[in-house]
Amino acid sequence: MTNDTQTQNDEDFDYGCECAMKLLNEPTEDCLNDLIDELDEDGMIATEVVYGLLATILMSMSSEDEEDEDQEIQ
């Protein structure tokens, strides 16, 4: 893999993370539709963008689970 390819993959991953954060901060159907339209402009979504989306959502879910466990302990 070349440095240019890795740089593009990193940028795509970061972009996926940003998109996920937008959706997590404003979880509305309109926001979801806007993101889908933006991501799917050329008919494809880069794999790294999907990885970024999933990673951010999973991290958010696990942090919420940890907060719930902390509240149950107290």
N, C-alpha and C. Protein backbone atom coordinates (compact mmCIF):
# COMPACT_ATOMS: atom_id res chain seq x y z
N MET A 1 0.85 -1.18 0.00
CA MET A 1 0.00 0.00 0.00
C MET A 1 0.89 1.24 0.00
N THR A 2 0.58 2.17 -0.85
CA THR A 2 1.38 3.39 -0.92
C THR A 2 0.95 4.38 0.15
N ASN A 3 1.81 5.36 0.38
CA ASN A 3 1.49 6.39 1.36
C ASN A 3 0.25 7.18 0.95
N ASP A 4 0.11 7.42 -0.36
CA ASP A 4 -1.07 8.16 -0.85
C ASP A 4 -2.35 7.39 -0.57
N THR A 5 -2.30 6.08 -0.78
CA THR A 5 -3.47 5.24 -0.53
C THR A 5 -3.81 5.24 0.96
N GLN A 6 -2.77 5.09 1.80
CA GLN A 6 -3.00 5.09 3.25
C GLN A 6 -3.54 6.42 3.72
N THR A 7 -3.02 7.51 3.17
CA THR A 7 -3.51 8.84 3.55
C THR A 7 -4.98 8.99 3.18
N GLN A 8 -5.36 8.53 1.99
CA GLN A 8 -6.77 8.60 1.58
C GLN A 8 -7.63 7.73 2.49
N ASN A 9 -7.14 6.54 2.85
CA ASN A 9 -7.89 5.67 3.75
C ASN A 9 -8.10 6.34 5.11
N ASP A 10 -7.04 6.97 5.62
CA ASP A 10 -7.14 7.68 6.90
C ASP A 10 -8.15 8.83 6.81
N GLU A 11 -8.11 9.57 5.71
CA GLU A 11 -9.05 10.68 5.53
C GLU A 11 -10.48 10.16 5.43
N ASP A 12 -10.68 9.06 4.73
CA ASP A 12 -12.01 8.48 4.62
C ASP A 12 -12.51 8.01 5.98
N PHE A 13 -11.62 7.37 6.77
CA PHE A 13 -11.99 6.90 8.10
C PHE A 13 -12.39 8.08 8.98
N ASP A 14 -11.57 9.12 8.97
CA ASP A 14 -11.87 10.32 9.76
C ASP A 14 -13.20 10.95 9.34
N TYR A 15 -13.45 10.95 8.04
CA TYR A 15 -14.71 11.50 7.53
C TYR A 15 -15.89 10.67 8.04
N GLY A 16 -15.74 9.36 8.05
CA GLY A 16 -16.79 8.50 8.58
C GLY A 16 -17.05 8.77 10.05
N CYS A 17 -15.98 9.01 10.80
CA CYS A 17 -16.12 9.34 12.22
C CYS A 17 -16.88 10.65 12.40
N GLU A 18 -16.54 11.66 11.57
CA GLU A 18 -17.22 12.95 11.64
C GLU A 18 -18.72 12.79 11.33
N CYS A 19 -19.02 12.00 10.31
CA CYS A 19 -20.43 11.79 9.94
C CYS A 19 -21.19 11.11 11.07
N ALA A 20 -20.56 10.13 11.70
CA ALA A 20 -21.21 9.44 12.81
C ALA A 20 -21.46 10.39 13.97
N MET A 21 -20.49 11.26 14.26
CA MET A 21 -20.67 12.20 15.36
C MET A 21 -21.82 13.17 15.07
N LYS A 22 -21.95 13.61 13.81
CA LYS A 22 -23.07 14.46 13.45
C LYS A 22 -24.39 13.76 13.74
N LEU A 23 -24.45 12.50 13.34
CA LEU A 23 -25.69 11.74 13.52
C LEU A 23 -25.95 11.47 15.00
N LEU A 24 -24.91 11.18 15.77
CA LEU A 24 -25.09 10.92 17.19
C LEU A 24 -25.51 12.19 17.94
N ASN A 25 -25.02 13.35 17.49
CA ASN A 25 -25.38 14.62 18.13
C ASN A 25 -26.76 15.10 17.74
N GLU A 26 -27.22 14.72 16.54
CA GLU A 26 -28.55 15.10 16.08
C GLU A 26 -29.24 13.88 15.45
N PRO A 27 -29.72 12.96 16.29
CA PRO A 27 -30.29 11.70 15.77
C PRO A 27 -31.71 11.87 15.23
N THR A 28 -31.81 12.57 14.11
CA THR A 28 -33.12 12.75 13.50
C THR A 28 -33.12 12.10 12.12
N GLU A 29 -34.30 11.82 11.62
CA GLU A 29 -34.43 11.22 10.30
C GLU A 29 -33.87 12.15 9.22
N ASP A 30 -34.11 13.45 9.37
CA ASP A 30 -33.59 14.41 8.39
C ASP A 30 -32.06 14.39 8.35
N CYS A 31 -31.43 14.33 9.52
CA CYS A 31 -29.97 14.29 9.59
C CYS A 31 -29.46 13.01 8.93
N LEU A 32 -30.10 11.90 9.21
CA LEU A 32 -29.71 10.63 8.60
C LEU A 32 -29.84 10.69 7.09
N ASN A 33 -30.95 11.21 6.59
CA ASN A 33 -31.16 11.31 5.15
C ASN A 33 -30.13 12.23 4.50
N ASP A 34 -29.81 13.35 5.17
CA ASP A 34 -28.79 14.26 4.63
C ASP A 34 -27.43 13.57 4.54
N LEU A 35 -27.07 12.81 5.59
CA LEU A 35 -25.79 12.12 5.57
C LEU A 35 -25.75 11.04 4.50
N ILE A 36 -26.85 10.31 4.33
CA ILE A 36 -26.90 9.28 3.29
C ILE A 36 -26.73 9.91 1.92
N ASP A 37 -27.43 11.01 1.69
CA ASP A 37 -27.30 11.70 0.40
C ASP A 37 -25.88 12.18 0.16
N GLU A 38 -25.26 12.72 1.21
CA GLU A 38 -23.90 13.26 1.09
C GLU A 38 -22.89 12.13 0.85
N LEU A 39 -23.04 11.02 1.58
CA LEU A 39 -22.11 9.91 1.45
C LEU A 39 -22.23 9.20 0.11
N ASP A 40 -23.44 9.12 -0.40
CA ASP A 40 -23.71 8.29 -1.57
C ASP A 40 -23.79 9.10 -2.86
N GLU A 41 -23.07 10.22 -2.93
CA GLU A 41 -23.13 11.08 -4.11
C GLU A 41 -22.70 10.35 -5.38
N ASP A 42 -21.67 9.51 -5.28
CA ASP A 42 -21.17 8.83 -6.47
C ASP A 42 -21.66 7.39 -6.57
N GLY A 43 -22.59 7.01 -5.74
CA GLY A 43 -23.15 5.66 -5.81
C GLY A 43 -22.40 4.64 -4.98
N MET A 44 -21.33 5.05 -4.33
CA MET A 44 -20.55 4.14 -3.50
C MET A 44 -20.08 4.85 -2.24
N ILE A 45 -19.92 4.09 -1.20
CA ILE A 45 -19.36 4.62 0.04
C ILE A 45 -18.06 3.84 0.30
N ALA A 46 -16.96 4.55 0.50
CA ALA A 46 -15.67 3.90 0.74
C ALA A 46 -15.75 3.04 2.00
N THR A 47 -15.09 1.91 1.95
CA THR A 47 -15.08 0.98 3.08
C THR A 47 -14.57 1.66 4.34
N GLU A 48 -13.55 2.49 4.20
CA GLU A 48 -12.98 3.16 5.38
C GLU A 48 -13.97 4.12 6.01
N VAL A 49 -14.84 4.73 5.19
CA VAL A 49 -15.88 5.62 5.74
C VAL A 49 -16.83 4.79 6.60
N VAL A 50 -17.21 3.62 6.10
CA VAL A 50 -18.10 2.74 6.86
C VAL A 50 -17.42 2.30 8.16
N TYR A 51 -16.13 1.97 8.09
CA TYR A 51 -15.39 1.60 9.30
C TYR A 51 -15.40 2.74 10.32
N GLY A 52 -15.22 3.96 9.84
CA GLY A 52 -15.25 5.11 10.74
C GLY A 52 -16.61 5.29 11.39
N LEU A 53 -17.66 5.13 10.59
CA LEU A 53 -19.02 5.22 11.13
C LEU A 53 -19.24 4.17 12.21
N LEU A 54 -18.91 2.93 11.89
CA LEU A 54 -19.13 1.84 12.84
C LEU A 54 -18.29 2.00 14.10
N ALA A 55 -17.03 2.36 13.94
CA ALA A 55 -16.15 2.52 15.10
C ALA A 55 -16.68 3.59 16.04
N THR A 56 -17.09 4.71 15.49
CA THR A 56 -17.59 5.81 16.32
C THR A 56 -18.88 5.41 17.03
N ILE A 57 -19.78 4.76 16.32
CA ILE A 57 -21.04 4.35 16.93
C ILE A 57 -20.80 3.31 18.02
N LEU A 58 -19.92 2.34 17.75
CA LEU A 58 -19.63 1.32 18.76
C LEU A 58 -18.96 1.92 19.99
N MET A 59 -18.04 2.86 19.79
CA MET A 59 -17.40 3.51 20.94
C MET A 59 -18.43 4.29 21.74
N SER A 60 -19.37 4.92 21.07
CA SER A 60 -20.41 5.68 21.75
C SER A 60 -21.29 4.73 22.57
N MET A 61 -21.64 3.61 21.98
CA MET A 61 -22.49 2.64 22.69
C MET A 61 -21.78 2.07 23.90
N SER A 62 -20.49 1.75 23.78
CA SER A 62 -19.77 1.17 24.91
C SER A 62 -19.57 2.20 26.01
N SER A 63 -19.40 3.47 25.66
CA SER A 63 -19.25 4.49 26.69
C SER A 63 -20.57 4.70 27.42
N GLU A 64 -21.69 4.58 26.70
CA GLU A 64 -23.00 4.67 27.35
C GLU A 64 -23.21 3.50 28.29
N ASP A 65 -22.77 2.29 27.88
CA ASP A 65 -22.90 1.11 28.74
C ASP A 65 -22.09 1.28 30.00
N GLU A 66 -20.88 1.83 29.88
CA GLU A 66 -20.03 2.05 31.06
C GLU A 66 -20.68 3.05 32.00
N GLU A 67 -21.30 4.10 31.46
CA GLU A 67 -21.98 5.09 32.30
C GLU A 67 -23.15 4.46 33.02
N ASP A 68 -23.90 3.59 32.33
CA ASP A 68 -25.04 2.90 32.95
C ASP A 68 -24.56 2.00 34.09
N GLU A 69 -23.45 1.29 33.87
CA GLU A 69 -22.92 0.42 34.91
C GLU A 69 -22.46 1.24 36.11
N ASP A 70 -21.82 2.38 35.88
CA ASP A 70 -21.38 3.24 36.97
C ASP A 70 -22.56 3.73 37.78
N GLN A 71 -23.66 4.08 37.14
CA GLN A 71 -24.84 4.57 37.84
C GLN A 71 -25.49 3.45 38.65
N GLU A 72 -25.47 2.22 38.12
CA GLU A 72 -26.07 1.09 38.84
C GLU A 72 -25.28 0.76 40.11
N ILE A 73 -23.96 0.93 40.05
CA ILE A 73 -23.10 0.62 41.20
C ILE A 73 -23.36 1.60 42.33
N GLN A 74 -23.61 2.86 42.00
CA GLN A 74 -23.80 3.89 43.02
C GLN A 74 -25.14 3.76 43.59
